[in-house]
Amino acid sequence: MSEVRTPGAPAALPRPRRLVGLASALVDVVVDLPALPPRGGDVVALGSAEVVGGGVNVLRAGRAFGLAAAYAAPHGTGRHGDAVRAALADAGVSALLAPRTDADTGFCVGMVEPDGERTYLTVPGVEAAPTPGELAGLGLTGADAVYVSGYDLVYATSRDVLGAFLAALAPGPALVLDPGPLVAEIPPGLLAAVLRRLDLLSLNAREARLMLGAAAPTGDDPGPLAAALSSQLSDHAVAVVRAGARGAAAARGATVAGQADALAVEVRDTSGAGDVHTGVLLARLGAGADLAAALATATAAASLSVTRAGPAAVPDPAELVATLG
């Protein structure tokens, strides 16, 4: 990962009044498996379900914890596009773009093993092909946090258009990136350009190590990972590293600014836990919480989310309060 730091005193933390999702939403076909099949083999599934996931998850989490939310990526015409729009409406999330009439939304097969680990196979649809005109017409303001997924910086149909838009994004809206499991496949020049504009980076420990390469610290503590990442971002940017049962850490200006323990829970499905973490973190920051307090709430919410099946498992705020006592 190349150095992208810029000089100057740290700017204020993001305090969004609205979460705008540029991360593409699609339908998750979740399949519970006793184990992944070997190459060329087969395995009988234990069960399956279809839920709307991808870019909707973080919006759903932010909205559940009091943050206004809007979906700003394309959505198609067909069974999957209809499902996305229904899920947005159910979560109280607005759609900023009209439906595309030329193709349907894509889908993702999520294979979940007994320990809750998941493996994905993604088939992109129209959601992965934004146009410059659509992005230019979003009307973003300084009250917005703009959420982007690394998937859309990898798809050949979206990376150039989206990357150019993000690199040129004027000061005001807070830019939030979750690079995701395909972080190593994001073109380095594109990733560097986005990181220069970034306000918040949120990723898991594996992804953090991929970004840092040989500069990654040893050990399981997410704190040093977050500090190492933030030292390579702009001075004002926050790096959040999620480390599952080991909790999460946030760093700014190469200094750990918050660390939170995960709740002791029985893991059923880790799908969408990172989305829950990011959505709740932004909602708490938007409500005025400091970084350490927002991180603690987000980490607890993500802990509860893995106790139930599916990527849409956002805990109710009242449930979270009761759990934390």
Protein backbone atom coordinates (compact mmCIF):
# COMPACT_ATOMS: atom_id res chain seq x y z
CA MET A 1 0.00 0.00 0.00
CA SER A 2 1.49 3.35 -1.02
CA GLU A 3 1.78 6.42 1.22
CA VAL A 4 -1.11 8.89 0.75
CA ARG A 5 -0.83 11.14 3.81
CA THR A 6 -1.62 14.83 3.48
CA PRO A 7 -0.48 17.53 5.91
CA GLY A 8 -2.63 19.55 8.25
CA ALA A 9 -4.49 19.24 11.53
CA PRO A 10 -7.08 16.45 11.79
CA ALA A 11 -10.52 17.49 10.60
CA ALA A 12 -13.64 16.81 12.62
CA LEU A 13 -15.04 13.31 12.73
CA PRO A 14 -17.82 12.52 10.24
CA ARG A 15 -21.19 13.53 11.73
CA PRO A 16 -23.57 12.40 8.99
CA ARG A 17 -27.25 13.22 8.96
CA ARG A 18 -27.79 10.84 6.02
CA LEU A 19 -26.06 7.70 4.79
CA VAL A 20 -25.91 7.49 0.99
CA GLY A 21 -25.08 4.03 -0.34
CA LEU A 22 -23.15 3.75 -3.60
CA ALA A 23 -22.40 0.09 -2.84
CA SER A 24 -24.35 -2.12 -5.22
CA ALA A 25 -27.26 -4.10 -3.78
CA LEU A 26 -28.14 -7.57 -5.00
CA VAL A 27 -29.96 -10.69 -3.88
CA ASP A 28 -28.08 -13.09 -1.60
CA VAL A 29 -28.86 -16.77 -2.07
CA VAL A 30 -27.67 -18.09 1.28
CA VAL A 31 -26.94 -21.83 1.43
CA ASP A 32 -26.09 -23.64 4.68
CA LEU A 33 -23.55 -26.41 4.08
CA PRO A 34 -22.02 -29.13 6.29
CA ALA A 35 -18.70 -28.25 4.55
CA LEU A 36 -17.56 -26.72 1.28
CA PRO A 37 -17.46 -29.29 -1.54
CA PRO A 38 -14.09 -30.31 -2.99
CA ARG A 39 -13.24 -29.11 -6.49
CA GLY A 40 -15.40 -31.09 -8.92
CA GLY A 41 -17.46 -32.52 -6.06
CA ASP A 42 -20.91 -31.98 -4.57
CA VAL A 43 -22.46 -31.59 -1.16
CA VAL A 44 -26.07 -31.72 0.02
CA ALA A 45 -27.13 -28.40 1.53
CA LEU A 46 -28.75 -28.19 4.96
CA GLY A 47 -31.03 -25.33 3.94
CA SER A 48 -31.25 -22.13 1.92
CA ALA A 49 -32.86 -18.71 1.81
CA GLU A 50 -32.97 -15.67 -0.47
CA VAL A 51 -32.49 -12.23 1.07
CA VAL A 52 -31.49 -8.83 -0.26
CA GLY A 53 -27.90 -8.04 0.68
CA GLY A 54 -24.86 -6.23 -0.60
CA GLY A 55 -25.25 -2.46 -0.38
CA VAL A 56 -28.61 -2.66 1.41
CA ASN A 57 -27.10 -4.17 4.58
CA VAL A 58 -25.18 -1.12 5.76
CA LEU A 59 -28.11 1.17 4.93
CA ARG A 60 -30.47 -1.07 6.87
CA ALA A 61 -28.16 -0.99 9.90
CA GLY A 62 -27.72 2.77 9.83
CA ARG A 63 -31.45 3.33 9.44
CA ALA A 64 -32.29 0.96 12.31
CA PHE A 65 -30.09 3.05 14.60
CA GLY A 66 -31.65 6.37 13.63
CA LEU A 67 -29.68 7.56 10.60
CA ALA A 68 -31.56 8.61 7.46
CA ALA A 69 -30.46 6.45 4.52
CA ALA A 70 -30.70 6.46 0.73
CA TYR A 71 -29.64 3.95 -1.92
CA ALA A 72 -27.82 5.63 -4.81
CA ALA A 73 -26.72 2.71 -7.00
CA PRO A 74 -28.63 1.30 -10.00
CA HIS A 75 -31.36 -1.33 -9.59
CA GLY A 76 -32.86 -3.40 -12.35
CA THR A 77 -36.22 -4.47 -13.68
CA GLY A 78 -37.03 -8.09 -12.86
CA ARG A 79 -37.43 -10.42 -9.90
CA HIS A 80 -34.20 -9.39 -8.19
CA GLY A 81 -34.69 -5.67 -8.76
CA ASP A 82 -38.21 -5.91 -7.35
CA ALA A 83 -36.80 -7.65 -4.27
CA VAL A 84 -34.23 -4.90 -3.75
CA ARG A 85 -36.85 -2.15 -3.93
CA ALA A 86 -39.13 -4.01 -1.54
CA ALA A 87 -36.28 -4.45 0.95
CA LEU A 88 -35.38 -0.77 0.75
CA ALA A 89 -38.97 0.26 1.36
CA ASP A 90 -39.30 -2.16 4.27
CA ALA A 91 -36.19 -0.68 5.91
CA GLY A 92 -37.30 2.90 5.38
CA VAL A 93 -34.51 3.57 2.88
CA SER A 94 -35.21 5.76 -0.16
CA ALA A 95 -33.96 4.97 -3.68
CA LEU A 96 -32.40 7.97 -5.41
CA LEU A 97 -32.37 6.47 -8.92
CA ALA A 98 -35.24 5.25 -11.08
CA PRO A 99 -35.23 1.54 -12.00
CA ARG A 100 -33.22 0.56 -15.07
CA THR A 101 -35.35 -1.10 -17.72
CA ASP A 102 -32.55 -2.83 -19.65
CA ALA A 103 -31.56 -5.62 -17.20
CA ASP A 104 -32.15 -7.12 -13.77
CA THR A 105 -30.21 -6.79 -10.52
CA GLY A 106 -27.59 -9.50 -9.91
CA PHE A 107 -27.26 -12.11 -7.20
CA CYS A 108 -24.69 -13.66 -4.89
CA VAL A 109 -24.46 -17.24 -3.63
CA GLY A 110 -23.29 -17.26 0.00
CA MET A 111 -22.10 -20.66 1.25
CA VAL A 112 -22.20 -20.82 5.05
CA GLU A 113 -20.27 -23.48 6.97
CA PRO A 114 -21.22 -24.76 10.46
CA ASP A 115 -18.79 -22.38 12.22
CA GLY A 116 -20.47 -19.40 10.56
CA GLU A 117 -17.73 -18.72 8.01
CA ARG A 118 -19.05 -17.79 4.57
CA THR A 119 -17.74 -18.06 1.03
CA TYR A 120 -19.26 -16.00 -1.78
CA LEU A 121 -19.83 -16.33 -5.52
CA THR A 122 -21.12 -13.10 -7.09
CA VAL A 123 -22.97 -12.67 -10.39
CA PRO A 124 -23.18 -8.91 -11.05
CA GLY A 125 -26.17 -7.32 -12.75
CA VAL A 126 -27.21 -3.77 -13.58
CA GLU A 127 -26.32 -2.60 -10.06
CA ALA A 128 -22.64 -2.91 -11.03
CA ALA A 129 -22.87 -0.47 -13.96
CA PRO A 130 -23.49 3.13 -12.78
CA THR A 131 -23.30 5.92 -15.34
CA PRO A 132 -21.52 9.28 -14.93
CA GLY A 133 -24.87 11.03 -15.32
CA GLU A 134 -26.46 9.08 -12.51
CA LEU A 135 -23.60 9.86 -10.13
CA ALA A 136 -23.44 13.53 -11.09
CA GLY A 137 -27.12 13.99 -10.34
CA LEU A 138 -27.09 12.68 -6.76
CA GLY A 139 -26.96 16.12 -5.14
CA LEU A 140 -24.66 15.15 -2.26
CA THR A 141 -24.12 17.62 0.61
CA GLY A 142 -21.89 18.01 3.63
CA ALA A 143 -24.54 16.26 5.73
CA ASP A 144 -23.99 13.00 3.83
CA ALA A 145 -21.74 10.02 4.44
CA VAL A 146 -21.14 8.29 1.11
CA TYR A 147 -20.57 4.55 1.51
CA VAL A 148 -18.62 2.61 -1.12
CA SER A 149 -17.77 -1.09 -1.37
CA GLY A 150 -14.56 -2.46 -2.85
CA TYR A 151 -16.62 -4.82 -5.00
CA ASP A 152 -17.66 -1.85 -7.13
CA LEU A 153 -14.03 -0.77 -7.49
CA VAL A 154 -13.27 -4.23 -8.92
CA TYR A 155 -16.17 -4.76 -11.34
CA ALA A 156 -15.02 -3.80 -14.85
CA THR A 157 -18.44 -2.23 -15.48
CA SER A 158 -18.22 0.21 -12.55
CA ARG A 159 -14.64 0.77 -11.38
CA ASP A 160 -13.60 3.49 -13.84
CA VAL A 161 -16.81 5.50 -13.60
CA LEU A 162 -17.07 5.19 -9.83
CA GLY A 163 -13.36 5.72 -9.24
CA ALA A 164 -13.32 8.94 -11.25
CA PHE A 165 -16.38 10.22 -9.41
CA LEU A 166 -14.92 9.48 -5.97
CA ALA A 167 -11.48 10.89 -6.72
CA ALA A 168 -13.10 14.15 -7.84
CA LEU A 169 -15.67 14.29 -5.00
CA ALA A 170 -15.62 17.83 -3.62
CA PRO A 171 -15.02 18.49 0.09
CA GLY A 172 -18.16 18.20 2.18
CA PRO A 173 -19.62 14.69 2.05
CA ALA A 174 -17.72 12.15 4.17
CA LEU A 175 -16.38 9.28 2.07
CA VAL A 176 -16.52 5.81 3.65
CA LEU A 177 -14.91 2.71 2.08
CA ASP A 178 -15.18 -0.95 2.98
CA PRO A 179 -12.73 -2.57 0.51
CA GLY A 180 -14.08 -6.07 1.19
CA PRO A 181 -12.53 -9.46 0.44
CA LEU A 182 -11.50 -8.44 -3.10
CA VAL A 183 -9.27 -5.61 -1.82
CA ALA A 184 -6.18 -7.12 -3.47
CA GLU A 185 -7.95 -6.97 -6.85
CA ILE A 186 -8.69 -3.23 -6.76
CA PRO A 187 -6.34 -1.53 -9.26
CA PRO A 188 -3.60 0.08 -7.11
CA GLY A 189 -3.82 3.48 -8.77
CA LEU A 190 -7.59 3.58 -8.34
CA LEU A 191 -7.38 2.54 -4.70
CA ALA A 192 -4.73 5.19 -3.97
CA ALA A 193 -6.90 7.91 -5.54
CA VAL A 194 -9.90 6.91 -3.42
CA LEU A 195 -7.80 6.69 -0.25
CA ARG A 196 -6.57 10.26 -0.75
CA ARG A 197 -10.18 11.48 -0.49
CA LEU A 198 -11.21 9.04 2.24
CA ASP A 199 -12.67 9.98 5.64
CA LEU A 200 -13.33 6.49 7.05
CA LEU A 201 -11.86 3.10 6.12
CA SER A 202 -13.55 0.03 7.62
CA LEU A 203 -12.37 -3.51 6.97
CA ASN A 204 -11.65 -6.83 8.67
CA ALA A 205 -8.27 -8.02 9.87
CA ARG A 206 -7.60 -10.23 6.84
CA GLU A 207 -8.31 -7.35 4.47
CA ALA A 208 -6.14 -5.02 6.57
CA ARG A 209 -3.20 -7.40 6.22
CA LEU A 210 -3.74 -7.59 2.47
CA MET A 211 -3.66 -3.80 2.22
CA LEU A 212 -0.57 -3.45 4.41
CA GLY A 213 1.40 -6.33 2.90
CA ALA A 214 4.85 -6.65 4.46
CA ALA A 215 4.15 -3.61 6.66
CA ALA A 216 1.42 -5.48 8.57
CA PRO A 217 2.22 -5.93 12.28
CA THR A 218 2.23 -9.41 13.77
CA GLY A 219 -0.28 -10.68 16.33
CA ASP A 220 -4.06 -10.78 16.60
CA ASP A 221 -4.65 -7.35 18.19
CA PRO A 222 -6.64 -5.12 15.79
CA GLY A 223 -5.17 -1.98 17.38
CA PRO A 224 -1.75 -2.14 15.72
CA LEU A 225 -3.39 -3.00 12.40
CA ALA A 226 -5.66 0.05 12.62
CA ALA A 227 -2.74 2.29 13.60
CA ALA A 228 -0.60 0.99 10.73
CA LEU A 229 -3.39 1.63 8.24
CA SER A 230 -4.21 5.11 9.53
CA SER A 231 -0.54 6.07 9.31
CA GLN A 232 -0.81 5.59 5.55
CA LEU A 233 -4.05 7.55 5.10
CA SER A 234 -4.70 11.28 5.08
CA ASP A 235 -4.17 12.89 8.49
CA HIS A 236 -7.88 13.30 9.19
CA ALA A 237 -8.99 9.82 8.10
CA VAL A 238 -10.09 7.10 10.52
CA ALA A 239 -9.16 3.44 10.02
CA VAL A 240 -11.39 0.82 11.66
CA VAL A 241 -10.29 -2.82 11.81
CA ARG A 242 -12.86 -5.46 12.72
CA ALA A 243 -11.41 -8.66 14.14
CA GLY A 244 -14.42 -10.89 14.91
CA ALA A 245 -14.24 -12.36 18.41
CA ARG A 246 -11.20 -10.15 19.13
CA GLY A 247 -13.32 -7.03 18.80
CA ALA A 248 -12.43 -3.93 16.81
CA ALA A 249 -10.13 -0.93 16.92
CA ALA A 250 -10.15 2.55 15.43
CA ALA A 251 -7.11 4.70 14.75
CA ARG A 252 -6.47 8.21 13.50
CA GLY A 253 -3.15 9.81 12.67
CA ALA A 254 -1.33 6.54 13.46
CA THR A 255 -2.76 6.54 17.00
CA VAL A 256 -5.34 4.08 18.35
CA ALA A 257 -8.36 6.19 19.30
CA GLY A 258 -10.67 3.43 20.43
CA GLN A 259 -10.75 -0.31 21.03
CA ALA A 260 -13.81 -2.43 21.78
CA ASP A 261 -14.27 -6.03 22.87
CA ALA A 262 -16.74 -8.27 21.07
CA LEU A 263 -19.58 -9.84 23.01
CA ALA A 264 -19.20 -13.51 23.91
CA VAL A 265 -21.80 -15.10 21.62
CA GLU A 266 -22.48 -18.34 19.79
CA VAL A 267 -21.69 -17.67 16.12
CA ARG A 268 -24.25 -18.85 13.60
CA ASP A 269 -23.55 -16.75 10.48
CA THR A 270 -20.98 -13.97 10.01
CA SER A 271 -22.60 -12.69 6.77
CA GLY A 272 -23.19 -8.95 6.93
CA ALA A 273 -21.52 -8.44 10.32
CA GLY A 274 -19.12 -5.88 8.88
CA ASP A 275 -22.02 -4.00 7.27
CA VAL A 276 -23.85 -3.89 10.60
CA HIS A 277 -20.69 -2.59 12.27
CA THR A 278 -20.20 0.20 9.74
CA GLY A 279 -23.86 1.26 9.63
CA VAL A 280 -24.17 1.44 13.41
CA LEU A 281 -20.81 3.22 13.75
CA LEU A 282 -21.92 5.95 11.33
CA ALA A 283 -25.32 6.26 13.02
CA ARG A 284 -23.70 6.75 16.42
CA LEU A 285 -21.19 9.26 15.05
CA GLY A 286 -24.09 11.10 13.42
CA ALA A 287 -25.84 11.21 16.79
CA GLY A 288 -22.80 12.89 18.34
CA ALA A 289 -21.02 9.96 20.03
CA ASP A 290 -17.25 10.10 20.25
CA LEU A 291 -15.24 7.60 18.23
CA ALA A 292 -14.57 5.19 21.10
CA ALA A 293 -18.22 5.09 22.18
CA ALA A 294 -19.48 4.67 18.62
CA LEU A 295 -16.98 1.85 18.09
CA ALA A 296 -18.17 0.06 21.24
CA THR A 297 -21.83 0.19 20.17
CA ALA A 298 -21.02 -0.91 16.63
CA THR A 299 -18.91 -3.84 17.85
CA ALA A 300 -21.66 -5.02 20.20
CA ALA A 301 -24.24 -4.76 17.40
CA ALA A 302 -22.03 -6.76 15.05
CA SER A 303 -21.58 -9.39 17.77
CA LEU A 304 -25.33 -9.83 18.08
CA SER A 305 -25.76 -9.97 14.30
CA VAL A 306 -23.70 -13.16 13.97
CA THR A 307 -26.03 -15.07 16.30
CA ARG A 308 -28.70 -15.32 13.61
CA ALA A 309 -28.80 -16.47 10.02
CA GLY A 310 -28.59 -14.25 6.97
CA PRO A 311 -26.86 -11.02 5.99
CA ALA A 312 -29.80 -8.85 7.07
CA ALA A 313 -29.46 -9.64 10.78
CA VAL A 314 -29.44 -6.11 12.22
CA PRO A 315 -30.20 -6.20 15.97
CA ASP A 316 -32.92 -3.96 17.33
CA PRO A 317 -31.47 -1.01 19.29
CA ALA A 318 -33.63 -1.95 22.29
CA GLU A 319 -32.24 -5.49 22.16
CA LEU A 320 -28.73 -4.09 22.14
CA VAL A 321 -29.42 -1.85 25.14
CA ALA A 322 -30.86 -4.82 27.05
CA THR A 323 -27.84 -6.97 26.20
CA LEU A 324 -25.38 -4.32 27.34
CA GLY A 325 -27.33 -3.78 30.54
